[in-house]
All heavy atoms as atom14 arrays in JSON, in Angstrom:
{
  "sequence": "YYLARMFDAGEDPLFLGRRLVRMAAEDIGLADPQALVVANAAKDA",
  "atom14_mask": [
    [1, 1, 1, 1, 1, 1, 1, 1, 1, 1, 1, 1, 0, 0],
    [1, 1, 1, 1, 1, 1, 1, 1, 1, 1, 1, 1, 0, 0],
    [1, 1, 1, 1, 1, 1, 1, 1, 0, 0, 0, 0, 0, 0],
    [1, 1, 1, 1, 1, 0, 0, 0, 0, 0, 0, 0, 0, 0],
    [1, 1, 1, 1, 1, 1, 1, 1, 1, 1, 1, 0, 0, 0],
    [1, 1, 1, 1, 1, 1, 1, 1, 0, 0, 0, 0, 0, 0],
    [1, 1, 1, 1, 1, 1, 1, 1, 1, 1, 1, 0, 0, 0],
    [1, 1, 1, 1, 1, 1, 1, 1, 0, 0, 0, 0, 0, 0],
    [1, 1, 1, 1, 1, 0, 0, 0, 0, 0, 0, 0, 0, 0],
    [1, 1, 1, 1, 0, 0, 0, 0, 0, 0, 0, 0, 0, 0],
    [1, 1, 1, 1, 1, 1, 1, 1, 1, 0, 0, 0, 0, 0],
    [1, 1, 1, 1, 1, 1, 1, 1, 0, 0, 0, 0, 0, 0],
    [1, 1, 1, 1, 1, 1, 1, 0, 0, 0, 0, 0, 0, 0],
    [1, 1, 1, 1, 1, 1, 1, 1, 0, 0, 0, 0, 0, 0],
    [1, 1, 1, 1, 1, 1, 1, 1, 1, 1, 1, 0, 0, 0],
    [1, 1, 1, 1, 1, 1, 1, 1, 0, 0, 0, 0, 0, 0],
    [1, 1, 1, 1, 0, 0, 0, 0, 0, 0, 0, 0, 0, 0],
    [1, 1, 1, 1, 1, 1, 1, 1, 1, 1, 1, 0, 0, 0],
    [1, 1, 1, 1, 1, 1, 1, 1, 1, 1, 1, 0, 0, 0],
    [1, 1, 1, 1, 1, 1, 1, 1, 0, 0, 0, 0, 0, 0],
    [1, 1, 1, 1, 1, 1, 1, 0, 0, 0, 0, 0, 0, 0],
    [1, 1, 1, 1, 1, 1, 1, 1, 1, 1, 1, 0, 0, 0],
    [1, 1, 1, 1, 1, 1, 1, 1, 0, 0, 0, 0, 0, 0],
    [1, 1, 1, 1, 1, 0, 0, 0, 0, 0, 0, 0, 0, 0],
    [1, 1, 1, 1, 1, 0, 0, 0, 0, 0, 0, 0, 0, 0],
    [1, 1, 1, 1, 1, 1, 1, 1, 1, 0, 0, 0, 0, 0],
    [1, 1, 1, 1, 1, 1, 1, 1, 0, 0, 0, 0, 0, 0],
    [1, 1, 1, 1, 1, 1, 1, 1, 0, 0, 0, 0, 0, 0],
    [1, 1, 1, 1, 0, 0, 0, 0, 0, 0, 0, 0, 0, 0],
    [1, 1, 1, 1, 1, 1, 1, 1, 0, 0, 0, 0, 0, 0],
    [1, 1, 1, 1, 1, 0, 0, 0, 0, 0, 0, 0, 0, 0],
    [1, 1, 1, 1, 1, 1, 1, 1, 0, 0, 0, 0, 0, 0],
    [1, 1, 1, 1, 1, 1, 1, 0, 0, 0, 0, 0, 0, 0],
    [1, 1, 1, 1, 1, 1, 1, 1, 1, 0, 0, 0, 0, 0],
    [1, 1, 1, 1, 1, 0, 0, 0, 0, 0, 0, 0, 0, 0],
    [1, 1, 1, 1, 1, 1, 1, 1, 0, 0, 0, 0, 0, 0],
    [1, 1, 1, 1, 1, 1, 1, 0, 0, 0, 0, 0, 0, 0],
    [1, 1, 1, 1, 1, 1, 1, 0, 0, 0, 0, 0, 0, 0],
    [1, 1, 1, 1, 1, 0, 0, 0, 0, 0, 0, 0, 0, 0],
    [1, 1, 1, 1, 1, 1, 1, 1, 0, 0, 0, 0, 0, 0],
    [1, 1, 1, 1, 1, 0, 0, 0, 0, 0, 0, 0, 0, 0],
    [1, 1, 1, 1, 1, 0, 0, 0, 0, 0, 0, 0, 0, 0],
    [1, 1, 1, 1, 1, 1, 1, 1, 1, 0, 0, 0, 0, 0],
    [1, 1, 1, 1, 1, 1, 1, 1, 0, 0, 0, 0, 0, 0],
    [1, 1, 1, 1, 1, 0, 0, 0, 0, 0, 0, 0, 0, 0]
  ],
  "atom14_positions": [
    [[100.11, 95.28, 95.05], [100.27, 94.26, 94.04], [99.0, 93.45, 93.86], [98.55, 93.2, 92.73], [101.43, 93.4, 94.41], [101.57, 92.09, 93.63], [101.91, 92.16, 92.24], [101.27, 90.84, 94.2], [101.99, 90.93, 91.5], [101.33, 89.69, 93.47], [101.73, 89.72, 92.1], [101.78, 88.53, 91.41], [0.0, 0.0, 0.0], [0.0, 0.0, 0.0]],
    [[98.41, 93.02, 94.99], [97.26, 92.15, 94.85], [96.03, 93.03, 94.4], [95.16, 92.48, 93.67], [96.94, 91.45, 96.17], [97.94, 90.34, 96.49], [98.77, 90.46, 97.55], [98.07, 89.27, 95.63], [99.76, 89.47, 97.79], [99.06, 88.27, 95.84], [99.82, 88.38, 96.93], [100.78, 87.38, 97.2], [0.0, 0.0, 0.0], [0.0, 0.0, 0.0]],
    [[95.93, 94.22, 94.85], [94.91, 95.11, 94.37], [95.04, 95.29, 92.86], [93.98, 95.2, 92.19], [95.04, 96.51, 95.1], [93.89, 97.48, 94.72], [92.61, 97.1, 95.42], [94.35, 98.92, 95.15], [0.0, 0.0, 0.0], [0.0, 0.0, 0.0], [0.0, 0.0, 0.0], [0.0, 0.0, 0.0], [0.0, 0.0, 0.0], [0.0, 0.0, 0.0]],
    [[96.2, 95.53, 92.33], [96.41, 95.68, 90.94], [96.1, 94.4, 90.13], [95.5, 94.49, 89.06], [97.85, 96.09, 90.65], [0.0, 0.0, 0.0], [0.0, 0.0, 0.0], [0.0, 0.0, 0.0], [0.0, 0.0, 0.0], [0.0, 0.0, 0.0], [0.0, 0.0, 0.0], [0.0, 0.0, 0.0], [0.0, 0.0, 0.0], [0.0, 0.0, 0.0]],
    [[96.37, 93.24, 90.67], [96.1, 91.99, 90.0], [94.61, 91.82, 89.86], [94.09, 91.38, 88.8], [96.68, 90.8, 90.8], [98.15, 90.53, 90.43], [98.63, 89.24, 91.01], [97.91, 88.1, 90.64], [98.2, 86.85, 91.0], [99.24, 86.68, 91.83], [97.46, 85.82, 90.64], [0.0, 0.0, 0.0], [0.0, 0.0, 0.0], [0.0, 0.0, 0.0]],
    [[93.88, 92.22, 90.94], [92.42, 92.08, 90.87], [91.77, 93.14, 89.87], [90.86, 92.75, 89.17], [91.78, 92.19, 92.24], [92.26, 91.08, 93.18], [91.45, 91.04, 94.83], [89.97, 90.17, 94.39], [0.0, 0.0, 0.0], [0.0, 0.0, 0.0], [0.0, 0.0, 0.0], [0.0, 0.0, 0.0], [0.0, 0.0, 0.0], [0.0, 0.0, 0.0]],
    [[92.34, 94.29, 89.83], [91.88, 95.26, 88.83], [92.2, 94.7, 87.44], [91.29, 94.76, 86.55], [92.66, 96.59, 89.0], [92.12, 97.47, 90.06], [92.95, 98.25, 90.82], [90.72, 97.68, 90.23], [92.45, 99.11, 91.85], [90.27, 98.49, 91.16], [91.12, 99.21, 91.98], [0.0, 0.0, 0.0], [0.0, 0.0, 0.0], [0.0, 0.0, 0.0]],
    [[93.39, 94.21, 87.27], [93.82, 93.71, 85.93], [92.94, 92.56, 85.48], [92.73, 92.33, 84.32], [95.29, 93.26, 86.03], [95.85, 92.96, 84.68], [95.66, 93.7, 83.72], [96.5, 91.9, 84.54], [0.0, 0.0, 0.0], [0.0, 0.0, 0.0], [0.0, 0.0, 0.0], [0.0, 0.0, 0.0], [0.0, 0.0, 0.0], [0.0, 0.0, 0.0]],
    [[92.49, 91.7, 86.47], [91.67, 90.55, 86.1], [90.21, 90.89, 85.85], [89.4, 90.04, 85.53], [91.78, 89.51, 87.16], [0.0, 0.0, 0.0], [0.0, 0.0, 0.0], [0.0, 0.0, 0.0], [0.0, 0.0, 0.0], [0.0, 0.0, 0.0], [0.0, 0.0, 0.0], [0.0, 0.0, 0.0], [0.0, 0.0, 0.0], [0.0, 0.0, 0.0]],
    [[89.82, 92.17, 86.11], [88.47, 92.6, 85.84], [87.51, 92.48, 87.05], [86.29, 92.48, 86.91], [0.0, 0.0, 0.0], [0.0, 0.0, 0.0], [0.0, 0.0, 0.0], [0.0, 0.0, 0.0], [0.0, 0.0, 0.0], [0.0, 0.0, 0.0], [0.0, 0.0, 0.0], [0.0, 0.0, 0.0], [0.0, 0.0, 0.0], [0.0, 0.0, 0.0]],
    [[88.1, 92.49, 88.24], [87.29, 92.44, 89.45], [86.41, 93.71, 89.57], [86.83, 94.8, 89.14], [88.16, 92.29, 90.69], [87.36, 92.25, 92.02], [86.43, 91.04, 92.09], [86.84, 89.9, 92.26], [85.24, 91.28, 91.86], [0.0, 0.0, 0.0], [0.0, 0.0, 0.0], [0.0, 0.0, 0.0], [0.0, 0.0, 0.0], [0.0, 0.0, 0.0]],
    [[85.23, 93.62, 90.15], [84.43, 94.79, 90.36], [85.05, 95.74, 91.38], [85.21, 95.3, 92.51], [83.03, 94.28, 90.92], [82.03, 95.48, 91.2], [82.39, 96.59, 90.82], [80.95, 95.22, 91.77], [0.0, 0.0, 0.0], [0.0, 0.0, 0.0], [0.0, 0.0, 0.0], [0.0, 0.0, 0.0], [0.0, 0.0, 0.0], [0.0, 0.0, 0.0]],
    [[85.42, 96.9, 90.96], [86.11, 97.79, 91.94], [85.31, 98.15, 93.16], [85.88, 98.36, 94.26], [86.38, 99.06, 91.08], [86.43, 98.6, 89.68], [85.4, 97.49, 89.64], [0.0, 0.0, 0.0], [0.0, 0.0, 0.0], [0.0, 0.0, 0.0], [0.0, 0.0, 0.0], [0.0, 0.0, 0.0], [0.0, 0.0, 0.0], [0.0, 0.0, 0.0]],
    [[84.01, 98.16, 93.0], [83.15, 98.44, 94.2], [83.2, 97.3, 95.22], [83.05, 97.47, 96.43], [81.72, 98.8, 93.84], [81.54, 100.15, 93.25], [80.08, 100.36, 92.74], [81.91, 101.26, 94.24], [0.0, 0.0, 0.0], [0.0, 0.0, 0.0], [0.0, 0.0, 0.0], [0.0, 0.0, 0.0], [0.0, 0.0, 0.0], [0.0, 0.0, 0.0]],
    [[83.39, 96.09, 94.71], [83.64, 94.94, 95.65], [84.89, 95.2, 96.46], [84.99, 95.05, 97.64], [83.75, 93.64, 94.85], [84.31, 92.47, 95.72], [83.55, 91.78, 96.57], [85.67, 92.15, 95.56], [84.09, 90.76, 97.38], [86.21, 91.1, 96.28], [85.39, 90.42, 97.22], [0.0, 0.0, 0.0], [0.0, 0.0, 0.0], [0.0, 0.0, 0.0]],
    [[85.98, 95.69, 95.81], [87.23, 95.95, 96.48], [87.05, 97.1, 97.43], [87.58, 97.11, 98.5], [88.3, 96.28, 95.39], [88.73, 95.11, 94.51], [89.61, 95.64, 93.38], [89.39, 94.03, 95.35], [0.0, 0.0, 0.0], [0.0, 0.0, 0.0], [0.0, 0.0, 0.0], [0.0, 0.0, 0.0], [0.0, 0.0, 0.0], [0.0, 0.0, 0.0]],
    [[86.24, 98.12, 97.0], [85.94, 99.25, 97.94], [85.26, 98.8, 99.2], [85.63, 99.18, 100.3], [0.0, 0.0, 0.0], [0.0, 0.0, 0.0], [0.0, 0.0, 0.0], [0.0, 0.0, 0.0], [0.0, 0.0, 0.0], [0.0, 0.0, 0.0], [0.0, 0.0, 0.0], [0.0, 0.0, 0.0], [0.0, 0.0, 0.0], [0.0, 0.0, 0.0]],
    [[84.32, 97.88, 99.01], [83.6, 97.37, 100.19], [84.52, 96.57, 101.11], [84.42, 96.65, 102.34], [82.37, 96.45, 99.74], [81.27, 97.27, 99.13], [80.05, 96.43, 98.85], [80.25, 95.38, 97.99], [80.03, 95.42, 96.63], [79.68, 96.59, 96.12], [80.2, 94.42, 95.83], [0.0, 0.0, 0.0], [0.0, 0.0, 0.0], [0.0, 0.0, 0.0]],
    [[85.45, 95.78, 100.49], [86.41, 95.02, 101.31], [87.39, 95.88, 102.04], [87.72, 95.6, 103.19], [87.09, 93.98, 100.45], [86.23, 92.82, 100.0], [85.59, 92.06, 101.16], [86.55, 91.44, 102.01], [86.75, 90.14, 102.07], [86.02, 89.32, 101.39], [87.67, 89.65, 102.93], [0.0, 0.0, 0.0], [0.0, 0.0, 0.0], [0.0, 0.0, 0.0]],
    [[87.75, 97.04, 101.45], [88.64, 97.91, 102.14], [87.91, 98.6, 103.28], [88.55, 98.78, 104.42], [89.1, 99.07, 101.18], [90.1, 98.58, 100.06], [90.29, 99.68, 99.03], [91.42, 98.21, 100.66], [0.0, 0.0, 0.0], [0.0, 0.0, 0.0], [0.0, 0.0, 0.0], [0.0, 0.0, 0.0], [0.0, 0.0, 0.0], [0.0, 0.0, 0.0]],
    [[86.61, 98.91, 103.19], [85.86, 99.42, 104.33], [85.83, 98.37, 105.45], [86.0, 98.65, 106.62], [84.4, 99.77, 103.86], [83.52, 100.1, 105.11], [84.47, 101.01, 102.92], [0.0, 0.0, 0.0], [0.0, 0.0, 0.0], [0.0, 0.0, 0.0], [0.0, 0.0, 0.0], [0.0, 0.0, 0.0], [0.0, 0.0, 0.0], [0.0, 0.0, 0.0]],
    [[85.61, 97.11, 105.05], [85.68, 96.04, 106.03], [87.01, 95.94, 106.76], [87.07, 95.78, 107.98], [85.29, 94.68, 105.3], [85.61, 93.45, 106.2], [84.58, 93.32, 107.34], [84.96, 92.33, 108.3], [84.21, 91.39, 108.82], [82.95, 91.35, 108.43], [84.6, 90.49, 109.67], [0.0, 0.0, 0.0], [0.0, 0.0, 0.0], [0.0, 0.0, 0.0]],
    [[88.09, 95.98, 106.03], [89.42, 95.95, 106.61], [89.61, 97.09, 107.6], [90.26, 96.91, 108.69], [90.55, 96.01, 105.5], [90.56, 94.86, 104.57], [91.76, 95.2, 103.24], [91.07, 94.1, 101.97], [0.0, 0.0, 0.0], [0.0, 0.0, 0.0], [0.0, 0.0, 0.0], [0.0, 0.0, 0.0], [0.0, 0.0, 0.0], [0.0, 0.0, 0.0]],
    [[89.16, 98.26, 107.25], [89.3, 99.41, 108.11], [88.62, 99.19, 109.48], [89.13, 99.51, 110.55], [88.72, 100.65, 107.44], [0.0, 0.0, 0.0], [0.0, 0.0, 0.0], [0.0, 0.0, 0.0], [0.0, 0.0, 0.0], [0.0, 0.0, 0.0], [0.0, 0.0, 0.0], [0.0, 0.0, 0.0], [0.0, 0.0, 0.0], [0.0, 0.0, 0.0]],
    [[87.4, 98.54, 109.41], [86.66, 98.28, 110.65], [87.24, 97.15, 111.43], [87.28, 97.14, 112.66], [85.21, 98.06, 110.29], [0.0, 0.0, 0.0], [0.0, 0.0, 0.0], [0.0, 0.0, 0.0], [0.0, 0.0, 0.0], [0.0, 0.0, 0.0], [0.0, 0.0, 0.0], [0.0, 0.0, 0.0], [0.0, 0.0, 0.0], [0.0, 0.0, 0.0]],
    [[87.71, 96.1, 110.7], [88.1, 94.89, 111.4], [89.48, 94.97, 111.9], [89.8, 94.45, 113.01], [87.9, 93.66, 110.45], [88.33, 92.34, 111.03], [88.17, 91.17, 110.08], [87.3, 91.25, 109.15], [88.86, 90.14, 110.22], [0.0, 0.0, 0.0], [0.0, 0.0, 0.0], [0.0, 0.0, 0.0], [0.0, 0.0, 0.0], [0.0, 0.0, 0.0]],
    [[90.41, 95.41, 111.11], [91.86, 95.32, 111.39], [92.5, 96.57, 111.89], [93.65, 96.56, 112.41], [92.58, 94.76, 110.14], [92.21, 93.39, 109.83], [92.44, 92.47, 110.64], [91.6, 93.14, 108.74], [0.0, 0.0, 0.0], [0.0, 0.0, 0.0], [0.0, 0.0, 0.0], [0.0, 0.0, 0.0], [0.0, 0.0, 0.0], [0.0, 0.0, 0.0]],
    [[91.85, 97.74, 111.76], [92.43, 98.96, 112.23], [91.62, 99.58, 113.31], [92.13, 99.96, 114.41], [92.56, 99.98, 111.04], [93.53, 99.42, 109.98], [93.03, 101.38, 111.5], [93.41, 99.92, 108.65], [0.0, 0.0, 0.0], [0.0, 0.0, 0.0], [0.0, 0.0, 0.0], [0.0, 0.0, 0.0], [0.0, 0.0, 0.0], [0.0, 0.0, 0.0]],
    [[90.29, 99.56, 113.08], [89.39, 99.97, 114.16], [89.72, 101.33, 114.74], [90.09, 102.32, 114.08], [0.0, 0.0, 0.0], [0.0, 0.0, 0.0], [0.0, 0.0, 0.0], [0.0, 0.0, 0.0], [0.0, 0.0, 0.0], [0.0, 0.0, 0.0], [0.0, 0.0, 0.0], [0.0, 0.0, 0.0], [0.0, 0.0, 0.0], [0.0, 0.0, 0.0]],
    [[89.73, 101.42, 116.07], [89.97, 102.68, 116.79], [91.47, 103.03, 116.96], [91.77, 104.07, 117.52], [89.25, 102.67, 118.15], [87.79, 102.7, 118.03], [87.11, 102.64, 119.45], [87.21, 103.85, 117.25], [0.0, 0.0, 0.0], [0.0, 0.0, 0.0], [0.0, 0.0, 0.0], [0.0, 0.0, 0.0], [0.0, 0.0, 0.0], [0.0, 0.0, 0.0]],
    [[92.31, 102.16, 116.45], [93.76, 102.5, 116.43], [93.96, 103.74, 115.56], [94.87, 104.53, 115.77], [94.61, 101.39, 115.98], [0.0, 0.0, 0.0], [0.0, 0.0, 0.0], [0.0, 0.0, 0.0], [0.0, 0.0, 0.0], [0.0, 0.0, 0.0], [0.0, 0.0, 0.0], [0.0, 0.0, 0.0], [0.0, 0.0, 0.0], [0.0, 0.0, 0.0]],
    [[93.11, 103.83, 114.53], [93.08, 105.06, 113.63], [91.66, 105.19, 113.25], [91.27, 104.65, 112.18], [94.04, 104.89, 112.48], [94.07, 106.12, 111.6], [93.25, 107.1, 111.87], [94.89, 106.19, 110.66], [0.0, 0.0, 0.0], [0.0, 0.0, 0.0], [0.0, 0.0, 0.0], [0.0, 0.0, 0.0], [0.0, 0.0, 0.0], [0.0, 0.0, 0.0]],
    [[90.79, 105.91, 113.96], [89.42, 106.11, 113.6], [89.27, 106.7, 112.17], [88.2, 106.57, 111.57], [88.88, 107.05, 114.62], [89.87, 106.87, 115.84], [91.18, 106.69, 115.2], [0.0, 0.0, 0.0], [0.0, 0.0, 0.0], [0.0, 0.0, 0.0], [0.0, 0.0, 0.0], [0.0, 0.0, 0.0], [0.0, 0.0, 0.0], [0.0, 0.0, 0.0]],
    [[90.25, 107.4, 111.68], [90.15, 108.01, 110.32], [90.17, 106.97, 109.21], [89.77, 107.25, 108.14], [91.32, 109.0, 110.21], [91.21, 109.99, 109.05], [90.04, 110.97, 109.17], [89.51, 111.1, 110.24], [89.66, 111.57, 108.05], [0.0, 0.0, 0.0], [0.0, 0.0, 0.0], [0.0, 0.0, 0.0], [0.0, 0.0, 0.0], [0.0, 0.0, 0.0]],
    [[90.68, 105.79, 109.52], [90.81, 104.77, 108.47], [89.43, 104.42, 107.86], [89.36, 104.29, 106.62], [91.47, 103.47, 109.05], [0.0, 0.0, 0.0], [0.0, 0.0, 0.0], [0.0, 0.0, 0.0], [0.0, 0.0, 0.0], [0.0, 0.0, 0.0], [0.0, 0.0, 0.0], [0.0, 0.0, 0.0], [0.0, 0.0, 0.0], [0.0, 0.0, 0.0]],
    [[88.42, 104.24, 108.63], [87.13, 103.95, 108.15], [86.6, 105.09, 107.29], [85.96, 104.86, 106.19], [86.15, 103.66, 109.28], [84.73, 103.18, 108.91], [84.79, 101.91, 108.05], [83.92, 102.9, 110.13], [0.0, 0.0, 0.0], [0.0, 0.0, 0.0], [0.0, 0.0, 0.0], [0.0, 0.0, 0.0], [0.0, 0.0, 0.0], [0.0, 0.0, 0.0]],
    [[86.87, 106.34, 107.64], [86.49, 107.5, 106.89], [87.17, 107.52, 105.55], [86.54, 107.73, 104.52], [86.78, 108.8, 107.65], [86.42, 109.99, 106.85], [86.07, 108.84, 109.01], [0.0, 0.0, 0.0], [0.0, 0.0, 0.0], [0.0, 0.0, 0.0], [0.0, 0.0, 0.0], [0.0, 0.0, 0.0], [0.0, 0.0, 0.0], [0.0, 0.0, 0.0]],
    [[88.47, 107.21, 105.53], [89.24, 107.19, 104.29], [88.73, 106.12, 103.37], [88.54, 106.33, 102.11], [90.77, 106.99, 104.55], [91.54, 106.72, 103.28], [91.28, 108.27, 105.25], [0.0, 0.0, 0.0], [0.0, 0.0, 0.0], [0.0, 0.0, 0.0], [0.0, 0.0, 0.0], [0.0, 0.0, 0.0], [0.0, 0.0, 0.0], [0.0, 0.0, 0.0]],
    [[88.55, 104.87, 103.89], [88.1, 103.78, 103.09], [86.72, 104.07, 102.44], [86.48, 103.75, 101.3], [88.1, 102.48, 103.94], [0.0, 0.0, 0.0], [0.0, 0.0, 0.0], [0.0, 0.0, 0.0], [0.0, 0.0, 0.0], [0.0, 0.0, 0.0], [0.0, 0.0, 0.0], [0.0, 0.0, 0.0], [0.0, 0.0, 0.0], [0.0, 0.0, 0.0]],
    [[85.8, 104.54, 103.28], [84.48, 104.88, 102.81], [84.49, 105.94, 101.77], [83.76, 105.88, 100.75], [83.57, 105.23, 103.94], [82.1, 104.9, 103.79], [81.74, 103.82, 103.29], [81.25, 105.87, 103.85], [0.0, 0.0, 0.0], [0.0, 0.0, 0.0], [0.0, 0.0, 0.0], [0.0, 0.0, 0.0], [0.0, 0.0, 0.0], [0.0, 0.0, 0.0]],
    [[85.31, 106.99, 101.96], [85.43, 108.04, 100.97], [85.99, 107.53, 99.71], [85.58, 107.94, 98.62], [86.36, 109.14, 101.57], [0.0, 0.0, 0.0], [0.0, 0.0, 0.0], [0.0, 0.0, 0.0], [0.0, 0.0, 0.0], [0.0, 0.0, 0.0], [0.0, 0.0, 0.0], [0.0, 0.0, 0.0], [0.0, 0.0, 0.0], [0.0, 0.0, 0.0]],
    [[86.97, 106.61, 99.72], [87.51, 106.02, 98.45], [86.47, 105.24, 97.76], [86.39, 105.34, 96.51], [88.68, 105.12, 98.84], [0.0, 0.0, 0.0], [0.0, 0.0, 0.0], [0.0, 0.0, 0.0], [0.0, 0.0, 0.0], [0.0, 0.0, 0.0], [0.0, 0.0, 0.0], [0.0, 0.0, 0.0], [0.0, 0.0, 0.0], [0.0, 0.0, 0.0]],
    [[85.69, 104.48, 98.45], [84.57, 103.73, 97.8], [83.57, 104.68, 97.12], [83.19, 104.53, 95.97], [83.87, 102.88, 98.88], [82.74, 101.98, 98.41], [81.39, 102.62, 98.58], [81.07, 102.73, 100.14], [79.78, 103.37, 100.25], [0.0, 0.0, 0.0], [0.0, 0.0, 0.0], [0.0, 0.0, 0.0], [0.0, 0.0, 0.0], [0.0, 0.0, 0.0]],
    [[83.22, 105.76, 97.88], [82.33, 106.8, 97.27], [82.94, 107.5, 96.09], [82.33, 107.83, 95.1], [81.88, 107.82, 98.33], [81.01, 107.23, 99.38], [80.42, 106.14, 99.12], [80.81, 107.84, 100.46], [0.0, 0.0, 0.0], [0.0, 0.0, 0.0], [0.0, 0.0, 0.0], [0.0, 0.0, 0.0], [0.0, 0.0, 0.0], [0.0, 0.0, 0.0]],
    [[84.26, 107.73, 96.16], [85.0, 108.4, 95.05], [84.95, 107.59, 93.8], [84.75, 108.08, 92.72], [86.45, 108.69, 95.51], [0.0, 0.0, 0.0], [0.0, 0.0, 0.0], [0.0, 0.0, 0.0], [0.0, 0.0, 0.0], [0.0, 0.0, 0.0], [0.0, 0.0, 0.0], [0.0, 0.0, 0.0], [0.0, 0.0, 0.0], [0.0, 0.0, 0.0]]
  ]
}
């Protein structure tokens, strides 16, 4: 919902991509090492 609101408001999607990468490193970390890979791949996509 909040992601959609920011898209709808015209937020820079690459800013959102960078923040998702940050979330993967800060809040998931090694509990799922694949999370950082997925977030970075989404930003690149």
